[in-house]
Amino acid sequence: MSEEMNKVETVVESTPVAEEVPIVEPVAKKAIKLNFDNVTGYTLIRCEKAAKKEDPNISVPSISLTYQAHVAAAAAGVKVDDIYALPGKEFTKVCLDTQNFLLGSEK
């Protein structure tokens, strides 16, 4: 046998790196003003359906950040992506204000 036939070629397949969550930077900082007076039952049901499409594991919508973001977007008249793109501290405040509205514990 020739030497070439005795050579073993090793093929190493790389495993894909776990997909990272993209960091979305807001293009321009805009003030989010929540107006819950315009939120109807239809709005809440539409938001729940949209949130469950994103996260089918939602069991209690009023405590889901995804649902809260959808309701906040509807209340502010912006796209949900505008809510998601808020800095963490502002996103948390918007979601907390929305949760207070949903649970009837507004100040």
C-alpha atoms as a PDB file:
ATOM      1  CA  MET A   1       0.000   0.000   0.000  1.00  0.00           C
ATOM      2  CA  SER A   2       1.139   3.435  -0.712  1.00  0.00           C
ATOM      3  CA  GLU A   3       1.578   6.056   1.975  1.00  0.00           C
ATOM      4  CA  GLU A   4      -1.253   8.121   0.549  1.00  0.00           C
ATOM      5  CA  MET A   5      -3.743   5.333   1.138  1.00  0.00           C
ATOM      6  CA  ASN A   6      -2.730   5.071   4.798  1.00  0.00           C
ATOM      7  CA  LYS A   7      -3.315   8.744   5.488  1.00  0.00           C
ATOM      8  CA  VAL A   8      -6.472   9.484   7.394  1.00  0.00           C
ATOM      9  CA  GLU A   9      -8.102  12.792   6.762  1.00  0.00           C
ATOM     10  CA  THR A  10      -9.705  14.349   9.787  1.00  0.00           C
ATOM     11  CA  VAL A  11     -12.675  16.573   9.157  1.00  0.00           C
ATOM     12  CA  VAL A  12     -13.715  18.811  11.983  1.00  0.00           C
ATOM     13  CA  GLU A  13     -17.124  20.316  11.684  1.00  0.00           C
ATOM     14  CA  SER A  14     -17.660  23.471  13.603  1.00  0.00           C
ATOM     15  CA  THR A  15     -20.741  23.656  15.724  1.00  0.00           C
ATOM     16  CA  PRO A  16     -22.718  26.828  15.270  1.00  0.00           C
ATOM     17  CA  VAL A  17     -22.445  29.319  18.078  1.00  0.00           C
ATOM     18  CA  ALA A  18     -25.711  29.875  19.895  1.00  0.00           C
ATOM     19  CA  GLU A  19     -27.540  32.735  18.288  1.00  0.00           C
ATOM     20  CA  GLU A  20     -27.157  35.841  20.364  1.00  0.00           C
ATOM     21  CA  VAL A  21     -30.000  38.256  20.953  1.00  0.00           C
ATOM     22  CA  PRO A  22     -29.349  41.256  18.748  1.00  0.00           C
ATOM     23  CA  ILE A  23     -28.843  44.557  20.467  1.00  0.00           C
ATOM     24  CA  VAL A  24     -31.106  47.108  18.881  1.00  0.00           C
ATOM     25  CA  GLU A  25     -30.050  50.681  19.321  1.00  0.00           C
ATOM     26  CA  PRO A  26     -32.822  53.254  19.100  1.00  0.00           C
ATOM     27  CA  VAL A  27     -32.355  55.507  16.096  1.00  0.00           C
ATOM     28  CA  ALA A  28     -33.642  58.586  17.846  1.00  0.00           C
ATOM     29  CA  LYS A  29     -34.761  58.866  21.423  1.00  0.00           C
ATOM     30  CA  LYS A  30     -38.417  59.722  21.527  1.00  0.00           C
ATOM     31  CA  ALA A  31     -40.565  60.309  24.540  1.00  0.00           C
ATOM     32  CA  ILE A  32     -43.045  57.543  25.230  1.00  0.00           C
ATOM     33  CA  LYS A  33     -46.307  58.940  26.557  1.00  0.00           C
ATOM     34  CA  LEU A  34     -48.737  56.276  27.676  1.00  0.00           C
ATOM     35  CA  ASN A  35     -52.407  57.145  27.214  1.00  0.00           C
ATOM     36  CA  PHE A  36     -54.427  54.269  28.631  1.00  0.00           C
ATOM     37  CA  ASP A  37     -57.711  56.143  28.075  1.00  0.00           C
ATOM     38  CA  ASN A  38     -57.612  55.007  24.445  1.00  0.00           C
ATOM     39  CA  VAL A  39     -57.062  51.331  25.304  1.00  0.00           C
ATOM     40  CA  THR A  40     -60.214  49.265  24.832  1.00  0.00           C
ATOM     41  CA  GLY A  41     -61.026  45.627  25.401  1.00  0.00           C
ATOM     42  CA  TYR A  42     -60.465  45.051  21.692  1.00  0.00           C
ATOM     43  CA  THR A  43     -57.006  46.573  22.048  1.00  0.00           C
ATOM     44  CA  LEU A  44     -56.147  44.290  24.957  1.00  0.00           C
ATOM     45  CA  ILE A  45     -57.324  41.167  23.136  1.00  0.00           C
ATOM     46  CA  ARG A  46     -55.380  42.138  19.992  1.00  0.00           C
ATOM     47  CA  CYS A  47     -52.280  42.749  22.144  1.00  0.00           C
ATOM     48  CA  GLU A  48     -52.694  39.402  23.901  1.00  0.00           C
ATOM     49  CA  LYS A  49     -52.930  37.548  20.585  1.00  0.00           C
ATOM     50  CA  ALA A  50     -49.843  39.337  19.241  1.00  0.00           C
ATOM     51  CA  ALA A  51     -47.880  38.662  22.434  1.00  0.00           C
ATOM     52  CA  LYS A  52     -48.819  34.971  22.440  1.00  0.00           C
ATOM     53  CA  LYS A  53     -47.700  34.746  18.816  1.00  0.00           C
ATOM     54  CA  GLU A  54     -44.261  35.954  19.951  1.00  0.00           C
ATOM     55  CA  ASP A  55     -44.237  33.862  23.119  1.00  0.00           C
ATOM     56  CA  PRO A  56     -46.746  30.988  23.161  1.00  0.00           C
ATOM     57  CA  ASN A  57     -45.729  30.120  26.731  1.00  0.00           C
ATOM     58  CA  ILE A  58     -47.443  33.172  28.229  1.00  0.00           C
ATOM     59  CA  SER A  59     -49.839  31.937  30.886  1.00  0.00           C
ATOM     60  CA  VAL A  60     -50.675  35.166  32.754  1.00  0.00           C
ATOM     61  CA  PRO A  61     -50.586  37.993  30.214  1.00  0.00           C
ATOM     62  CA  SER A  62     -50.744  40.869  32.713  1.00  0.00           C
ATOM     63  CA  ILE A  63     -47.351  39.889  34.169  1.00  0.00           C
ATOM     64  CA  SER A  64     -45.717  39.105  30.817  1.00  0.00           C
ATOM     65  CA  LEU A  65     -43.206  41.708  29.634  1.00  0.00           C
ATOM     66  CA  THR A  66     -44.088  40.836  26.042  1.00  0.00           C
ATOM     67  CA  TYR A  67     -47.787  41.509  26.614  1.00  0.00           C
ATOM     68  CA  GLN A  68     -47.042  44.642  28.621  1.00  0.00           C
ATOM     69  CA  ALA A  69     -44.844  45.926  25.783  1.00  0.00           C
ATOM     70  CA  HIS A  70     -47.647  45.372  23.267  1.00  0.00           C
ATOM     71  CA  VAL A  71     -50.173  47.178  25.471  1.00  0.00           C
ATOM     72  CA  ALA A  72     -47.706  50.015  26.097  1.00  0.00           C
ATOM     73  CA  ALA A  73     -47.130  50.369  22.360  1.00  0.00           C
ATOM     74  CA  ALA A  74     -50.876  50.578  21.766  1.00  0.00           C
ATOM     75  CA  ALA A  75     -51.262  53.131  24.573  1.00  0.00           C
ATOM     76  CA  ALA A  76     -48.395  55.236  23.217  1.00  0.00           C
ATOM     77  CA  GLY A  77     -49.384  54.899  19.568  1.00  0.00           C
ATOM     78  CA  VAL A  78     -45.996  53.468  18.572  1.00  0.00           C
ATOM     79  CA  LYS A  79     -44.729  50.156  17.227  1.00  0.00           C
ATOM     80  CA  VAL A  80     -43.884  47.470  19.768  1.00  0.00           C
ATOM     81  CA  ASP A  81     -40.300  47.538  18.474  1.00  0.00           C
ATOM     82  CA  ASP A  82     -40.073  51.136  19.727  1.00  0.00           C
ATOM     83  CA  ILE A  83     -40.896  49.845  23.214  1.00  0.00           C
ATOM     84  CA  TYR A  84     -38.456  46.930  22.944  1.00  0.00           C
ATOM     85  CA  ALA A  85     -35.696  49.339  21.851  1.00  0.00           C
ATOM     86  CA  LEU A  86     -35.981  51.476  24.986  1.00  0.00           C
ATOM     87  CA  PRO A  87     -33.013  51.382  27.364  1.00  0.00           C
ATOM     88  CA  GLY A  88     -33.557  48.785  30.088  1.00  0.00           C
ATOM     89  CA  LYS A  89     -34.406  51.256  32.829  1.00  0.00           C
ATOM     90  CA  GLU A  90     -37.025  53.022  30.685  1.00  0.00           C
ATOM     91  CA  PHE A  91     -38.398  49.720  29.337  1.00  0.00           C
ATOM     92  CA  THR A  92     -38.862  48.488  32.904  1.00  0.00           C
ATOM     93  CA  LYS A  93     -40.641  51.710  33.920  1.00  0.00           C
ATOM     94  CA  VAL A  94     -42.967  51.585  30.898  1.00  0.00           C
ATOM     95  CA  CYS A  95     -43.784  47.923  31.598  1.00  0.00           C
ATOM     96  CA  LEU A  96     -44.376  48.602  35.292  1.00  0.00           C
ATOM     97  CA  ASP A  97     -46.734  51.495  34.479  1.00  0.00           C
ATOM     98  CA  THR A  98     -48.540  49.227  32.032  1.00  0.00           C
ATOM     99  CA  GLN A  99     -48.764  46.408  34.570  1.00  0.00           C
ATOM    100  CA  ASN A 100     -50.253  48.826  37.115  1.00  0.00           C
ATOM    101  CA  PHE A 101     -52.880  49.777  34.524  1.00  0.00           C
ATOM    102  CA  LEU A 102     -53.622  46.135  33.711  1.00  0.00           C
ATOM    103  CA  LEU A 103     -53.949  45.146  37.365  1.00  0.00           C
ATOM    104  CA  GLY A 104     -55.954  48.234  38.282  1.00  0.00           C
ATOM    105  CA  SER A 105     -53.322  49.541  40.662  1.00  0.00           C
ATOM    106  CA  GLU A 106     -52.606  52.872  38.976  1.00  0.00           C
ATOM    107  CA  LYS A 107     -51.480  55.695  41.207  1.00  0.00           C
END
